[in-house]
Amino acid sequence: MAGAAKATDVSDQLVAVVSTISDEIGQLRGTIYELGLTGNELGLRARIISLLHELTVVTDFQVHRSFHGPIDSAITDAIAEHLLTTIREAVTNVGRHARAPATQK
């Protein structure tokens, strides 16, 4: 449809809408997958969201996150631990350096 649209702005709007819908479908799939987790099991998505929420004290803002694909089932526990450690370090650094005073040149 975007290719057939004669007006550039209509074409751009269609591309943007399709992209948004695609992102929302990915989020919905992830949510559906998480609903399938049993018991007190906490999926990687939920652990990342919890970690980012915890780190708002350091950053003073909510970090945007998005997930694509079945990360809860595709990433091993060992990799997940490394990933969480890396996210913690990266976000902590952002929080620390975002408040750093600007240097004068």
PDB file of N, CA and C in Angstrom:
ATOM      1  N   MET A   1       0.820  -1.191   0.000  1.00  0.00           N
ATOM      2  CA  MET A   1       0.000   0.000   0.000  1.00  0.00           C
ATOM      3  C   MET A   1       0.863   1.253   0.000  1.00  0.00           C
ATOM      4  N   ALA A   2       1.960   1.199   0.777  1.00  0.00           N
ATOM      5  CA  ALA A   2       2.816   2.376   0.862  1.00  0.00           C
ATOM      6  C   ALA A   2       3.435   2.691  -0.492  1.00  0.00           C
ATOM      7  N   GLY A   3       3.799   1.670  -1.246  1.00  0.00           N
ATOM      8  CA  GLY A   3       4.382   1.891  -2.552  1.00  0.00           C
ATOM      9  C   GLY A   3       3.391   2.436  -3.552  1.00  0.00           C
ATOM     10  N   ALA A   4       2.119   2.072  -3.386  1.00  0.00           N
ATOM     11  CA  ALA A   4       1.086   2.524  -4.305  1.00  0.00           C
ATOM     12  C   ALA A   4       0.564   3.910  -3.963  1.00  0.00           C
ATOM     13  N   ALA A   5       0.818   4.364  -2.760  1.00  0.00           N
ATOM     14  CA  ALA A   5       0.327   5.686  -2.354  1.00  0.00           C
ATOM     15  C   ALA A   5       1.049   6.759  -3.154  1.00  0.00           C
ATOM     16  N   LYS A   6       0.279   7.661  -3.743  1.00  0.00           N
ATOM     17  CA  LYS A   6       0.863   8.696  -4.598  1.00  0.00           C
ATOM     18  C   LYS A   6       1.449   9.842  -3.776  1.00  0.00           C
ATOM     19  N   ALA A   7       0.818  10.175  -2.697  1.00  0.00           N
ATOM     20  CA  ALA A   7       1.298  11.282  -1.874  1.00  0.00           C
ATOM     21  C   ALA A   7       2.382  10.753  -0.930  1.00  0.00           C
ATOM     22  N   THR A   8       3.496  11.444  -0.864  1.00  0.00           N
ATOM     23  CA  THR A   8       4.614  11.030  -0.019  1.00  0.00           C
ATOM     24  C   THR A   8       4.209  10.963   1.441  1.00  0.00           C
ATOM     25  N   ASP A   9       3.439  11.944   1.902  1.00  0.00           N
ATOM     26  CA  ASP A   9       3.056  11.950   3.314  1.00  0.00           C
ATOM     27  C   ASP A   9       2.161  10.769   3.649  1.00  0.00           C
ATOM     28  N   VAL A  10       1.304  10.339   2.723  1.00  0.00           N
ATOM     29  CA  VAL A  10       0.455   9.164   2.951  1.00  0.00           C
ATOM     30  C   VAL A  10       1.333   7.923   3.029  1.00  0.00           C
ATOM     31  N   SER A  11       2.285   7.819   2.148  1.00  0.00           N
ATOM     32  CA  SER A  11       3.202   6.687   2.145  1.00  0.00           C
ATOM     33  C   SER A  11       3.980   6.621   3.453  1.00  0.00           C
ATOM     34  N   ASP A  12       4.497   7.758   3.894  1.00  0.00           N
ATOM     35  CA  ASP A  12       5.247   7.815   5.150  1.00  0.00           C
ATOM     36  C   ASP A  12       4.377   7.438   6.339  1.00  0.00           C
ATOM     37  N   GLN A  13       3.130   7.893   6.334  1.00  0.00           N
ATOM     38  CA  GLN A  13       2.201   7.573   7.418  1.00  0.00           C
ATOM     39  C   GLN A  13       1.913   6.081   7.445  1.00  0.00           C
ATOM     40  N   LEU A  14       1.723   5.476   6.283  1.00  0.00           N
ATOM     41  CA  LEU A  14       1.471   4.035   6.224  1.00  0.00           C
ATOM     42  C   LEU A  14       2.657   3.242   6.745  1.00  0.00           C
ATOM     43  N   VAL A  15       3.854   3.633   6.374  1.00  0.00           N
ATOM     44  CA  VAL A  15       5.061   2.955   6.855  1.00  0.00           C
ATOM     45  C   VAL A  15       5.156   3.077   8.375  1.00  0.00           C
ATOM     46  N   ALA A  16       4.875   4.254   8.914  1.00  0.00           N
ATOM     47  CA  ALA A  16       4.935   4.467  10.363  1.00  0.00           C
ATOM     48  C   ALA A  16       3.896   3.631  11.096  1.00  0.00           C
ATOM     49  N   VAL A  17       2.689   3.568  10.542  1.00  0.00           N
ATOM     50  CA  VAL A  17       1.613   2.786  11.176  1.00  0.00           C
ATOM     51  C   VAL A  17       1.962   1.304  11.162  1.00  0.00           C
ATOM     52  N   VAL A  18       2.459   0.810  10.034  1.00  0.00           N
ATOM     53  CA  VAL A  18       2.836  -0.604   9.936  1.00  0.00           C
ATOM     54  C   VAL A  18       3.951  -0.920  10.927  1.00  0.00           C
ATOM     55  N   SER A  19       4.916  -0.033  11.072  1.00  0.00           N
ATOM     56  CA  SER A  19       6.002  -0.231  12.017  1.00  0.00           C
ATOM     57  C   SER A  19       5.483  -0.277  13.454  1.00  0.00           C
ATOM     58  N   THR A  20       4.581   0.638  13.782  1.00  0.00           N
ATOM     59  CA  THR A  20       3.995   0.662  15.126  1.00  0.00           C
ATOM     60  C   THR A  20       3.216  -0.608  15.403  1.00  0.00           C
ATOM     61  N   ILE A  21       2.416  -1.035  14.450  1.00  0.00           N
ATOM     62  CA  ILE A  21       1.632  -2.266  14.616  1.00  0.00           C
ATOM     63  C   ILE A  21       2.560  -3.458  14.802  1.00  0.00           C
ATOM     64  N   SER A  22       3.622  -3.527  14.028  1.00  0.00           N
ATOM     65  CA  SER A  22       4.576  -4.622  14.145  1.00  0.00           C
ATOM     66  C   SER A  22       5.216  -4.648  15.535  1.00  0.00           C
ATOM     67  N   ASP A  23       5.601  -3.486  16.044  1.00  0.00           N
ATOM     68  CA  ASP A  23       6.176  -3.406  17.387  1.00  0.00           C
ATOM     69  C   ASP A  23       5.177  -3.868  18.446  1.00  0.00           C
ATOM     70  N   GLU A  24       3.931  -3.433  18.299  1.00  0.00           N
ATOM     71  CA  GLU A  24       2.894  -3.809  19.270  1.00  0.00           C
ATOM     72  C   GLU A  24       2.619  -5.309  19.233  1.00  0.00           C
ATOM     73  N   ILE A  25       2.640  -5.904  18.058  1.00  0.00           N
ATOM     74  CA  ILE A  25       2.444  -7.354  17.946  1.00  0.00           C
ATOM     75  C   ILE A  25       3.563  -8.085  18.673  1.00  0.00           C
ATOM     76  N   GLY A  26       4.795  -7.619  18.512  1.00  0.00           N
ATOM     77  CA  GLY A  26       5.916  -8.228  19.218  1.00  0.00           C
ATOM     78  C   GLY A  26       5.760  -8.135  20.722  1.00  0.00           C
ATOM     79  N   GLN A  27       5.323  -6.974  21.215  1.00  0.00           N
ATOM     80  CA  GLN A  27       5.092  -6.811  22.653  1.00  0.00           C
ATOM     81  C   GLN A  27       3.979  -7.734  23.140  1.00  0.00           C
ATOM     82  N   LEU A  28       2.925  -7.842  22.360  1.00  0.00           N
ATOM     83  CA  LEU A  28       1.800  -8.706  22.716  1.00  0.00           C
ATOM     84  C   LEU A  28       2.234 -10.162  22.771  1.00  0.00           C
ATOM     85  N   ARG A  29       3.022 -10.592  21.811  1.00  0.00           N
ATOM     86  CA  ARG A  29       3.525 -11.974  21.821  1.00  0.00           C
ATOM     87  C   ARG A  29       4.351 -12.231  23.074  1.00  0.00           C
ATOM     88  N   GLY A  30       5.195 -11.274  23.439  1.00  0.00           N
ATOM     89  CA  GLY A  30       5.996 -11.437  24.648  1.00  0.00           C
ATOM     90  C   GLY A  30       5.140 -11.527  25.892  1.00  0.00           C
ATOM     91  N   THR A  31       4.113 -10.707  25.956  1.00  0.00           N
ATOM     92  CA  THR A  31       3.207 -10.735  27.103  1.00  0.00           C
ATOM     93  C   THR A  31       2.476 -12.065  27.180  1.00  0.00           C
ATOM     94  N   ILE A  32       2.003 -12.548  26.053  1.00  0.00           N
ATOM     95  CA  ILE A  32       1.314 -13.839  26.014  1.00  0.00           C
ATOM     96  C   ILE A  32       2.246 -14.948  26.474  1.00  0.00           C
ATOM     97  N   TYR A  33       3.499 -14.909  26.026  1.00  0.00           N
ATOM     98  CA  TYR A  33       4.455 -15.923  26.453  1.00  0.00           C
ATOM     99  C   TYR A  33       4.654 -15.871  27.965  1.00  0.00           C
ATOM    100  N   GLU A  34       4.799 -14.669  28.513  1.00  0.00           N
ATOM    101  CA  GLU A  34       5.017 -14.538  29.955  1.00  0.00           C
ATOM    102  C   GLU A  34       3.828 -15.063  30.751  1.00  0.00           C
ATOM    103  N   LEU A  35       2.624 -14.914  30.218  1.00  0.00           N
ATOM    104  CA  LEU A  35       1.452 -15.433  30.906  1.00  0.00           C
ATOM    105  C   LEU A  35       1.502 -16.951  31.020  1.00  0.00           C
ATOM    106  N   GLY A  36       2.242 -17.586  30.126  1.00  0.00           N
ATOM    107  CA  GLY A  36       2.369 -19.036  30.146  1.00  0.00           C
ATOM    108  C   GLY A  36       3.371 -19.548  31.154  1.00  0.00           C
ATOM    109  N   LEU A  37       4.155 -18.674  31.776  1.00  0.00           N
ATOM    110  CA  LEU A  37       5.109 -19.112  32.784  1.00  0.00           C
ATOM    111  C   LEU A  37       4.351 -19.626  33.998  1.00  0.00           C
ATOM    112  N   THR A  38       4.864 -20.660  34.611  1.00  0.00           N
ATOM    113  CA  THR A  38       4.142 -21.299  35.712  1.00  0.00           C
ATOM    114  C   THR A  38       4.722 -20.901  37.067  1.00  0.00           C
ATOM    115  N   GLY A  39       3.885 -21.004  38.082  1.00  0.00           N
ATOM    116  CA  GLY A  39       4.315 -20.799  39.458  1.00  0.00           C
ATOM    117  C   GLY A  39       4.917 -19.435  39.700  1.00  0.00           C
ATOM    118  N   ASN A  40       5.984 -19.421  40.498  1.00  0.00           N
ATOM    119  CA  ASN A  40       6.654 -18.171  40.845  1.00  0.00           C
ATOM    120  C   ASN A  40       7.786 -17.846  39.879  1.00  0.00           C
ATOM    121  N   GLU A  41       7.840 -18.569  38.785  1.00  0.00           N
ATOM    122  CA  GLU A  41       8.890 -18.366  37.792  1.00  0.00           C
ATOM    123  C   GLU A  41       8.828 -16.938  37.259  1.00  0.00           C
ATOM    124  N   LEU A  42       9.953 -16.281  37.225  1.00  0.00           N
ATOM    125  CA  LEU A  42      10.035 -14.913  36.733  1.00  0.00           C
ATOM    126  C   LEU A  42      10.854 -14.924  35.454  1.00  0.00           C
ATOM    127  N   GLY A  43      10.226 -14.563  34.355  1.00  0.00           N
ATOM    128  CA  GLY A  43      10.909 -14.574  33.067  1.00  0.00           C
ATOM    129  C   GLY A  43      11.942 -13.464  32.966  1.00  0.00           C
ATOM    130  N   LEU A  44      12.797 -13.577  31.956  1.00  0.00           N
ATOM    131  CA  LEU A  44      13.853 -12.592  31.764  1.00  0.00           C
ATOM    132  C   LEU A  44      13.282 -11.208  31.508  1.00  0.00           C
ATOM    133  N   ARG A  45      12.212 -11.118  30.720  1.00  0.00           N
ATOM    134  CA  ARG A  45      11.578  -9.814  30.486  1.00  0.00           C
ATOM    135  C   ARG A  45      11.209  -9.150  31.803  1.00  0.00           C
ATOM    136  N   ALA A  46      10.532  -9.903  32.641  1.00  0.00           N
ATOM    137  CA  ALA A  46      10.087  -9.366  33.930  1.00  0.00           C
ATOM    138  C   ALA A  46      11.277  -8.980  34.799  1.00  0.00           C
ATOM    139  N   ARG A  47      12.346  -9.768  34.744  1.00  0.00           N
ATOM    140  CA  ARG A  47      13.537  -9.453  35.533  1.00  0.00           C
ATOM    141  C   ARG A  47      14.200  -8.172  35.033  1.00  0.00           C
ATOM    142  N   ILE A  48      14.238  -7.982  33.714  1.00  0.00           N
ATOM    143  CA  ILE A  48      14.817  -6.759  33.152  1.00  0.00           C
ATOM    144  C   ILE A  48      13.966  -5.551  33.530  1.00  0.00           C
ATOM    145  N   ILE A  49      12.647  -5.683  33.390  1.00  0.00           N
ATOM    146  CA  ILE A  49      11.747  -4.579  33.747  1.00  0.00           C
ATOM    147  C   ILE A  49      11.905  -4.229  35.223  1.00  0.00           C
ATOM    148  N   SER A  50      11.984  -5.237  36.066  1.00  0.00           N
ATOM    149  CA  SER A  50      12.164  -5.007  37.497  1.00  0.00           C
ATOM    150  C   SER A  50      13.496  -4.303  37.776  1.00  0.00           C
ATOM    151  N   LEU A  51      14.554  -4.755  37.118  1.00  0.00           N
ATOM    152  CA  LEU A  51      15.862  -4.131  37.297  1.00  0.00           C
ATOM    153  C   LEU A  51      15.841  -2.676  36.865  1.00  0.00           C
ATOM    154  N   LEU A  52      15.247  -2.394  35.712  1.00  0.00           N
ATOM    155  CA  LEU A  52      15.191  -1.017  35.229  1.00  0.00           C
ATOM    156  C   LEU A  52      14.353  -0.140  36.157  1.00  0.00           C
ATOM    157  N   HIS A  53      13.292  -0.704  36.696  1.00  0.00           N
ATOM    158  CA  HIS A  53      12.484   0.047  37.660  1.00  0.00           C
ATOM    159  C   HIS A  53      13.312   0.355  38.911  1.00  0.00           C
ATOM    160  N   GLU A  54      14.056  -0.637  39.361  1.00  0.00           N
ATOM    161  CA  GLU A  54      14.920  -0.467  40.535  1.00  0.00           C
ATOM    162  C   GLU A  54      15.964   0.633  40.301  1.00  0.00           C
ATOM    163  N   LEU A  55      16.455   0.735  39.076  1.00  0.00           N
ATOM    164  CA  LEU A  55      17.522   1.682  38.764  1.00  0.00           C
ATOM    165  C   LEU A  55      17.027   3.106  38.498  1.00  0.00           C
ATOM    166  N   THR A  56      15.726   3.341  38.557  1.00  0.00           N
ATOM    167  CA  THR A  56      15.233   4.715  38.375  1.00  0.00           C
ATOM    168  C   THR A  56      15.749   5.626  39.485  1.00  0.00           C
ATOM    169  N   VAL A  57      16.103   5.058  40.623  1.00  0.00           N
ATOM    170  CA  VAL A  57      16.701   5.842  41.709  1.00  0.00           C
ATOM    171  C   VAL A  57      18.042   6.414  41.255  1.00  0.00           C
ATOM    172  N   VAL A  58      18.759   5.671  40.441  1.00  0.00           N
ATOM    173  CA  VAL A  58      20.073   6.091  39.962  1.00  0.00           C
ATOM    174  C   VAL A  58      19.948   7.068  38.793  1.00  0.00           C
ATOM    175  N   THR A  59      18.988   6.824  37.895  1.00  0.00           N
ATOM    176  CA  THR A  59      18.884   7.632  36.677  1.00  0.00           C
ATOM    177  C   THR A  59      17.958   8.829  36.814  1.00  0.00           C
ATOM    178  N   ASP A  60      17.034   8.783  37.746  1.00  0.00           N
ATOM    179  CA  ASP A  60      15.993   9.801  37.911  1.00  0.00           C
ATOM    180  C   ASP A  60      15.025   9.849  36.726  1.00  0.00           C
ATOM    181  N   PHE A  61      14.997   8.805  35.917  1.00  0.00           N
ATOM    182  CA  PHE A  61      14.022   8.689  34.835  1.00  0.00           C
ATOM    183  C   PHE A  61      13.809   7.218  34.525  1.00  0.00           C
ATOM    184  N   GLN A  62      12.678   6.924  33.917  1.00  0.00           N
ATOM    185  CA  GLN A  62      12.360   5.552  33.541  1.00  0.00           C
ATOM    186  C   GLN A  62      13.057   5.238  32.219  1.00  0.00           C
ATOM    187  N   VAL A  63      13.854   4.197  32.202  1.00  0.00           N
ATOM    188  CA  VAL A  63      14.571   3.787  31.000  1.00  0.00           C
ATOM    189  C   VAL A  63      13.591   3.106  30.054  1.00  0.00           C
ATOM    190  N   HIS A  64      13.588   3.543  28.793  1.00  0.00           N
ATOM    191  CA  HIS A  64      12.738   2.922  27.778  1.00  0.00           C
ATOM    192  C   HIS A  64      13.289   1.538  27.461  1.00  0.00           C
ATOM    193  N   ARG A  65      12.408   0.587  27.322  1.00  0.00           N
ATOM    194  CA  ARG A  65      12.838  -0.760  26.955  1.00  0.00           C
ATOM    195  C   ARG A  65      11.846  -1.324  25.950  1.00  0.00           C
ATOM    196  N   SER A  66      12.343  -2.202  25.104  1.00  0.00           N
ATOM    197  CA  SER A  66      11.482  -2.932  24.183  1.00  0.00           C
ATOM    198  C   SER A  66      12.096  -4.304  23.966  1.00  0.00           C
ATOM    199  N   PHE A  67      11.269  -5.253  23.718  1.00  0.00           N
ATOM    200  CA  PHE A  67      11.708  -6.626  23.549  1.00  0.00           C
ATOM    201  C   PHE A  67      11.207  -7.138  22.212  1.00  0.00           C
ATOM    202  N   HIS A  68      12.023  -7.927  21.559  1.00  0.00           N
ATOM    203  CA  HIS A  68      11.646  -8.522  20.288  1.00  0.00           C
ATOM    204  C   HIS A  68      12.028  -9.993  20.327  1.00  0.00           C
ATOM    205  N   GLY A  69      11.073 -10.836  20.080  1.00  0.00           N
ATOM    206  CA  GLY A  69      11.348 -12.268  20.049  1.00  0.00           C
ATOM    207  C   GLY A  69      11.155 -12.925  21.396  1.00  0.00           C
ATOM    208  N   PRO A  70      11.322 -14.220  21.413  1.00  0.00           N
ATOM    209  CA  PRO A  70      11.056 -15.024  22.622  1.00  0.00           C
ATOM    210  C   PRO A  70      12.250 -15.058  23.578  1.00  0.00           C
ATOM    211  N   ILE A  71      12.606 -13.926  24.135  1.00  0.00           N
ATOM    212  CA  ILE A  71      13.821 -13.879  24.953  1.00  0.00           C
ATOM    213  C   ILE A  71      13.726 -14.755  26.193  1.00  0.00           C
ATOM    214  N   ASP A  72      12.532 -14.956  26.712  1.00  0.00           N
ATOM    215  CA  ASP A  72      12.396 -15.777  27.916  1.00  0.00           C
ATOM    216  C   ASP A  72      12.775 -17.233  27.663  1.00  0.00           C
ATOM    217  N   SER A  73      12.562 -17.697  26.455  1.00  0.00           N
ATOM    218  CA  SER A  73      12.895 -19.089  26.148  1.00  0.00           C
ATOM    219  C   SER A  73      14.171 -19.225  25.333  1.00  0.00           C
ATOM    220  N   ALA A  74      14.594 -18.178  24.660  1.00  0.00           N
ATOM    221  CA  ALA A  74      15.748 -18.272  23.761  1.00  0.00           C
ATOM    222  C   ALA A  74      17.075 -17.996  24.451  1.00  0.00           C
ATOM    223  N   ILE A  75      17.047 -17.333  25.592  1.00  0.00           N
ATOM    224  CA  ILE A  75      18.284 -16.968  26.283  1.00  0.00           C
ATOM    225  C   ILE A  75      18.467 -17.862  27.497  1.00  0.00           C
ATOM    226  N   THR A  76      19.636 -18.479  27.588  1.00  0.00           N
ATOM    227  CA  THR A  76      19.913 -19.398  28.694  1.00  0.00           C
ATOM    228  C   THR A  76      20.047 -18.626  30.007  1.00  0.00           C
ATOM    229  N   ASP A  77      19.933 -19.342  31.111  1.00  0.00           N
ATOM    230  CA  ASP A  77      20.056 -18.713  32.426  1.00  0.00           C
ATOM    231  C   ASP A  77      21.429 -18.072  32.616  1.00  0.00           C
ATOM    232  N   ALA A  78      22.474 -18.745  32.138  1.00  0.00           N
ATOM    233  CA  ALA A  78      23.831 -18.206  32.292  1.00  0.00           C
ATOM    234  C   ALA A  78      23.982 -16.890  31.519  1.00  0.00           C
ATOM    235  N   ILE A  79      23.494 -16.862  30.295  1.00  0.00           N
ATOM    236  CA  ILE A  79      23.554 -15.632  29.490  1.00  0.00           C
ATOM    237  C   ILE A  79      22.677 -14.558  30.126  1.00  0.00           C
ATOM    238  N   ALA A  80      21.521 -14.950  30.647  1.00  0.00           N
ATOM    239  CA  ALA A  80      20.609 -13.993  31.278  1.00  0.00           C
ATOM    240  C   ALA A  80      21.287 -13.289  32.444  1.00  0.00           C
ATOM    241  N   GLU A  81      22.031 -14.019  33.236  1.00  0.00           N
ATOM    242  CA  GLU A  81      22.726 -13.411  34.372  1.00  0.00           C
ATOM    243  C   GLU A  81      23.760 -12.397  33.902  1.00  0.00           C
ATOM    244  N   HIS A  82      24.503 -12.746  32.848  1.00  0.00           N
ATOM    245  CA  HIS A  82      25.482 -11.806  32.283  1.00  0.00           C
ATOM    246  C   HIS A  82      24.776 -10.576  31.713  1.00  0.00           C
ATOM    247  N   LEU A  83      23.654 -10.811  31.051  1.00  0.00           N
ATOM    248  CA  LEU A  83      22.891  -9.704  30.466  1.00  0.00           C
ATOM    249  C   LEU A  83      22.392  -8.752  31.544  1.00  0.00           C
ATOM    250  N   LEU A  84      21.842  -9.295  32.622  1.00  0.00           N
ATOM    251  CA  LEU A  84      21.346  -8.452  33.716  1.00  0.00           C
ATOM    252  C   LEU A  84      22.478  -7.657  34.361  1.00  0.00           C
ATOM    253  N   THR A  85      23.631  -8.280  34.520  1.00  0.00           N
ATOM    254  CA  THR A  85      24.789  -7.586  35.076  1.00  0.00           C
ATOM    255  C   THR A  85      25.231  -6.448  34.155  1.00  0.00           C
ATOM    256  N   THR A  86      25.237  -6.714  32.858  1.00  0.00           N
ATOM    257  CA  THR A  86      25.634  -5.703  31.876  1.00  0.00           C
ATOM    258  C   THR A  86      24.643  -4.544  31.847  1.00  0.00           C
ATOM    259  N   ILE A  87      23.357  -4.864  31.897  1.00  0.00           N
ATOM    260  CA  ILE A  87      22.330  -3.814  31.917  1.00  0.00           C
ATOM    261  C   ILE A  87      22.490  -2.957  33.169  1.00  0.00           C
ATOM    262  N   ARG A  88      22.684  -3.608  34.316  1.00  0.00           N
ATOM    263  CA  ARG A  88      22.864  -2.860  35.568  1.00  0.00           C
ATOM    264  C   ARG A  88      24.046  -1.900  35.455  1.00  0.00           C
ATOM    265  N   GLU A  89      25.166  -2.389  34.952  1.00  0.00           N
ATOM    266  CA  GLU A  89      26.368  -1.555  34.831  1.00  0.00           C
ATOM    267  C   GLU A  89      26.144  -0.405  33.854  1.00  0.00           C
ATOM    268  N   ALA A  90      25.541  -0.696  32.709  1.00  0.00           N
ATOM    269  CA  ALA A  90      25.321   0.336  31.686  1.00  0.00           C
ATOM    270  C   ALA A  90      24.381   1.427  32.186  1.00  0.00           C
ATOM    271  N   VAL A  91      23.281   1.023  32.795  1.00  0.00           N
ATOM    272  CA  VAL A  91      22.306   2.011  33.254  1.00  0.00           C
ATOM    273  C   VAL A  91      22.868   2.806  34.425  1.00  0.00           C
ATOM    274  N   THR A  92      23.606   2.152  35.297  1.00  0.00           N
ATOM    275  CA  THR A  92      24.247   2.865  36.409  1.00  0.00           C
ATOM    276  C   THR A  92      25.228   3.908  35.877  1.00  0.00           C
ATOM    277  N   ASN A  93      25.989   3.542  34.853  1.00  0.00           N
ATOM    278  CA  ASN A  93      26.918   4.501  34.246  1.00  0.00           C
ATOM    279  C   ASN A  93      26.182   5.671  33.618  1.00  0.00           C
ATOM    280  N   VAL A  94      25.087   5.398  32.955  1.00  0.00           N
ATOM    281  CA  VAL A  94      24.287   6.480  32.373  1.00  0.00           C
ATOM    282  C   VAL A  94      23.821   7.423  33.475  1.00  0.00           C
ATOM    283  N   GLY A  95      23.291   6.863  34.547  1.00  0.00           N
ATOM    284  CA  GLY A  95      22.827   7.694  35.657  1.00  0.00           C
ATOM    285  C   GLY A  95      23.942   8.504  36.277  1.00  0.00           C
ATOM    286  N   ARG A  96      25.078   7.894  36.419  1.00  0.00           N
ATOM    287  CA  ARG A  96      26.219   8.570  37.038  1.00  0.00           C
ATOM    288  C   ARG A  96      26.735   9.692  36.139  1.00  0.00           C
ATOM    289  N   HIS A  97      26.878   9.430  34.858  1.00  0.00           N
ATOM    290  CA  HIS A  97      27.472  10.409  33.955  1.00  0.00           C
ATOM    291  C   HIS A  97      26.471  11.422  33.428  1.00  0.00           C
ATOM    292  N   ALA A  98      25.214  11.119  33.478  1.00  0.00           N
ATOM    293  CA  ALA A  98      24.200  12.081  33.026  1.00  0.00           C
ATOM    294  C   ALA A  98      24.157  13.288  33.947  1.00  0.00           C
ATOM    295  N   ARG A  99      24.524  13.105  35.194  1.00  0.00           N
ATOM    296  CA  ARG A  99      24.530  14.214  36.157  1.00  0.00           C
ATOM    297  C   ARG A  99      25.895  14.851  36.298  1.00  0.00           C
ATOM    298  N   ALA A 100      26.860  14.382  35.518  1.00  0.00           N
ATOM    299  CA  ALA A 100      28.214  14.941  35.611  1.00  0.00           C
ATOM    300  C   ALA A 100      28.205  16.388  35.129  1.00  0.00           C
ATOM    301  N   PRO A 101      28.946  17.257  35.778  1.00  0.00           N
ATOM    302  CA  PRO A 101      28.978  18.655  35.330  1.00  0.00           C
ATOM    303  C   PRO A 101      29.647  18.764  33.962  1.00  0.00           C
ATOM    304  N   ALA A 102      29.172  19.656  33.159  1.00  0.00           N
ATOM    305  CA  ALA A 102      29.760  19.875  31.840  1.00  0.00           C
ATOM    306  C   ALA A 102      31.146  20.474  32.004  1.00  0.00           C
ATOM    307  N   THR A 103      32.077  19.999  31.215  1.00  0.00           N
ATOM    308  CA  THR A 103      33.434  20.541  31.304  1.00  0.00           C
ATOM    309  C   THR A 103      33.552  21.770  30.429  1.00  0.00           C
ATOM    310  N   GLN A 104      34.330  22.707  30.882  1.00  0.00           N
ATOM    311  CA  GLN A 104      34.555  23.943  30.143  1.00  0.00           C
ATOM    312  C   GLN A 104      35.780  23.766  29.246  1.00  0.00           C
ATOM    313  N   LYS A 105      35.684  24.223  28.020  1.00  0.00           N
ATOM    314  CA  LYS A 105      36.838  24.158  27.101  1.00  0.00           C
ATOM    315  C   LYS A 105      37.360  25.534  26.825  1.00  0.00           C
TER     316      LYS A 105
END
